[in-house]
């Protein structure tokens, strides 16, 4: 096995079985083998976006359903449906508020990540040609 870095010196490295291995030089670093490409999407952020969409949909559905039941020209509210309408109307604002807060937090997180990537790109030295 030829080693262009240490060939002039006249020695070679061997492993514990006596097989020749490539010598490592402090002046010529080894090429780093990059591992396979990692998933660049954070699954927790995806879960938060899904939760946010679900809360927004449930909140809007609850308001629309309850408001439609109360403004209907034909009163068809049974005691059970009246209780359900009351529960939906009393919980819908909290679901909508949670959806808005989660969305704001996620957008700030995405903005900070984008800015961090942009700043890292500006600080790296320019490529030599």
Protein backbone atom coordinates (compact mmCIF):
# COMPACT_ATOMS: atom_id res chain seq x y z
CA UNK A 1 0.00 0.00 0.00
CA UNK A 2 1.49 3.31 -1.02
CA UNK A 3 1.15 6.36 1.19
CA UNK A 4 2.15 9.53 -0.62
CA UNK A 5 2.63 11.46 2.62
CA UNK A 6 5.04 9.05 4.30
CA UNK A 7 6.50 7.39 1.24
CA UNK A 8 9.54 9.65 1.30
CA UNK A 9 10.21 8.90 4.97
CA UNK A 10 10.33 5.18 4.45
CA UNK A 11 7.97 3.77 7.05
CA UNK A 12 4.44 2.52 7.13
CA UNK A 13 1.92 1.74 9.82
CA UNK A 14 0.47 -1.67 10.43
CA UNK A 15 -2.49 -2.83 12.47
CA UNK A 16 -2.53 -5.54 15.15
CA UNK A 17 -2.74 -8.25 12.45
CA UNK A 18 0.27 -6.99 10.51
CA UNK A 19 -1.73 -5.52 7.65
CA UNK A 20 -0.62 -2.22 6.21
CA UNK A 21 -2.88 0.74 7.00
CA UNK A 22 -2.83 4.27 5.73
CA UNK A 23 -0.60 6.49 7.83
CA UNK A 24 -2.00 9.57 9.49
CA UNK A 25 -0.05 12.79 9.19
CA UNK A 26 -0.68 15.86 11.35
CA UNK A 27 0.17 18.01 8.33
CA UNK A 28 -2.24 16.32 5.93
CA UNK A 29 -5.52 15.59 7.70
CA UNK A 30 -7.66 12.72 6.59
CA UNK A 31 -10.70 13.35 4.50
CA UNK A 32 -13.69 13.28 6.79
CA UNK A 33 -16.30 10.80 5.67
CA UNK A 34 -19.60 12.55 6.09
CA UNK A 35 -22.32 10.35 7.51
CA UNK A 36 -25.57 10.00 5.62
CA UNK A 37 -27.68 13.12 5.39
CA UNK A 38 -29.69 13.60 8.53
CA UNK A 39 -33.30 14.59 8.57
CA UNK A 40 -33.33 18.39 8.65
CA UNK A 41 -36.92 18.59 9.87
CA UNK A 42 -37.58 18.62 13.60
CA UNK A 43 -40.45 16.19 14.37
CA UNK A 44 -41.43 18.17 17.48
CA UNK A 45 -41.93 21.30 15.40
CA UNK A 46 -44.10 19.32 12.97
CA UNK A 47 -46.13 18.03 15.92
CA UNK A 48 -46.59 21.59 17.18
CA UNK A 49 -47.79 22.75 13.75
CA UNK A 50 -50.29 19.86 13.66
CA UNK A 51 -51.46 20.67 17.20
CA UNK A 52 -51.79 24.33 16.24
CA UNK A 53 -53.88 23.51 13.17
CA UNK A 54 -56.05 21.19 15.24
CA UNK A 55 -56.66 23.76 17.95
CA UNK A 56 -57.46 26.43 15.38
CA UNK A 57 -59.88 24.13 13.57
CA UNK A 58 -61.60 23.01 16.80
CA UNK A 59 -61.91 26.58 18.05
CA UNK A 60 -63.40 27.88 14.81
CA UNK A 61 -65.69 24.84 14.49
CA UNK A 62 -66.94 25.27 18.06
CA UNK A 63 -67.74 28.95 17.56
CA UNK A 64 -69.45 28.33 14.21
CA UNK A 65 -71.48 25.37 15.48
CA UNK A 66 -72.56 27.07 18.71
CA UNK A 67 -73.37 30.34 16.99
CA UNK A 68 -75.33 28.50 14.30
CA UNK A 69 -77.32 26.58 16.88
CA UNK A 70 -78.18 29.73 18.82
CA UNK A 71 -79.16 31.84 15.80
CA UNK A 72 -81.20 29.15 14.11
CA UNK A 73 -84.78 30.31 13.42
CA UNK A 74 -86.12 26.98 14.62
CA UNK A 75 -85.14 26.33 18.23
CA UNK A 76 -84.00 22.74 18.32
CA UNK A 77 -81.86 22.84 21.45
CA UNK A 78 -82.45 20.02 23.86
CA UNK A 79 -81.07 20.37 27.38
CA UNK A 80 -78.10 18.17 26.44
CA UNK A 81 -77.32 20.11 23.27
CA UNK A 82 -77.68 23.39 25.16
CA UNK A 83 -75.07 22.20 27.66
CA UNK A 84 -72.79 21.07 24.84
CA UNK A 85 -73.21 24.45 23.10
CA UNK A 86 -72.36 26.24 26.35
CA UNK A 87 -69.24 24.10 26.84
CA UNK A 88 -68.11 24.74 23.26
CA UNK A 89 -68.63 28.48 23.57
CA UNK A 90 -66.87 28.63 26.93
CA UNK A 91 -63.82 26.63 25.73
CA UNK A 92 -63.47 27.89 22.15
CA UNK A 93 -61.74 31.19 23.09
CA UNK A 94 -59.05 29.28 24.98
CA UNK A 95 -58.47 26.92 22.06
CA UNK A 96 -58.19 29.90 19.69
CA UNK A 97 -55.87 31.75 22.10
CA UNK A 98 -53.65 28.67 22.44
CA UNK A 99 -53.55 28.29 18.65
CA UNK A 100 -52.53 31.93 18.18
CA UNK A 101 -49.84 31.72 20.89
CA UNK A 102 -48.41 28.47 19.53
CA UNK A 103 -48.37 29.93 16.02
CA UNK A 104 -46.59 33.07 17.24
CA UNK A 105 -44.03 30.99 19.12
CA UNK A 106 -43.40 28.78 16.09
CA UNK A 107 -43.01 31.77 13.79
CA UNK A 108 -40.51 33.37 16.20
CA UNK A 109 -38.63 30.07 16.38
CA UNK A 110 -38.49 29.84 12.57
CA UNK A 111 -37.35 33.48 12.33
CA UNK A 112 -34.58 32.96 14.89
CA UNK A 113 -33.41 29.80 13.12
CA UNK A 114 -33.42 31.55 9.75
CA UNK A 115 -31.47 34.49 11.15
CA UNK A 116 -28.95 32.17 12.83
CA UNK A 117 -28.38 30.34 9.52
CA UNK A 118 -28.06 33.64 7.68
CA UNK A 119 -25.55 35.02 10.20
CA UNK A 120 -23.54 31.79 10.08
CA UNK A 121 -23.42 32.06 6.29
CA UNK A 122 -22.11 35.64 6.47
CA UNK A 123 -19.39 34.82 9.02
CA UNK A 124 -17.90 31.94 7.07
CA UNK A 125 -14.84 32.89 5.05
CA UNK A 126 -15.31 33.31 1.32
CA UNK A 127 -14.39 30.37 -0.85
CA UNK A 128 -11.01 30.56 -2.55
CA UNK A 129 -10.94 30.27 -6.29
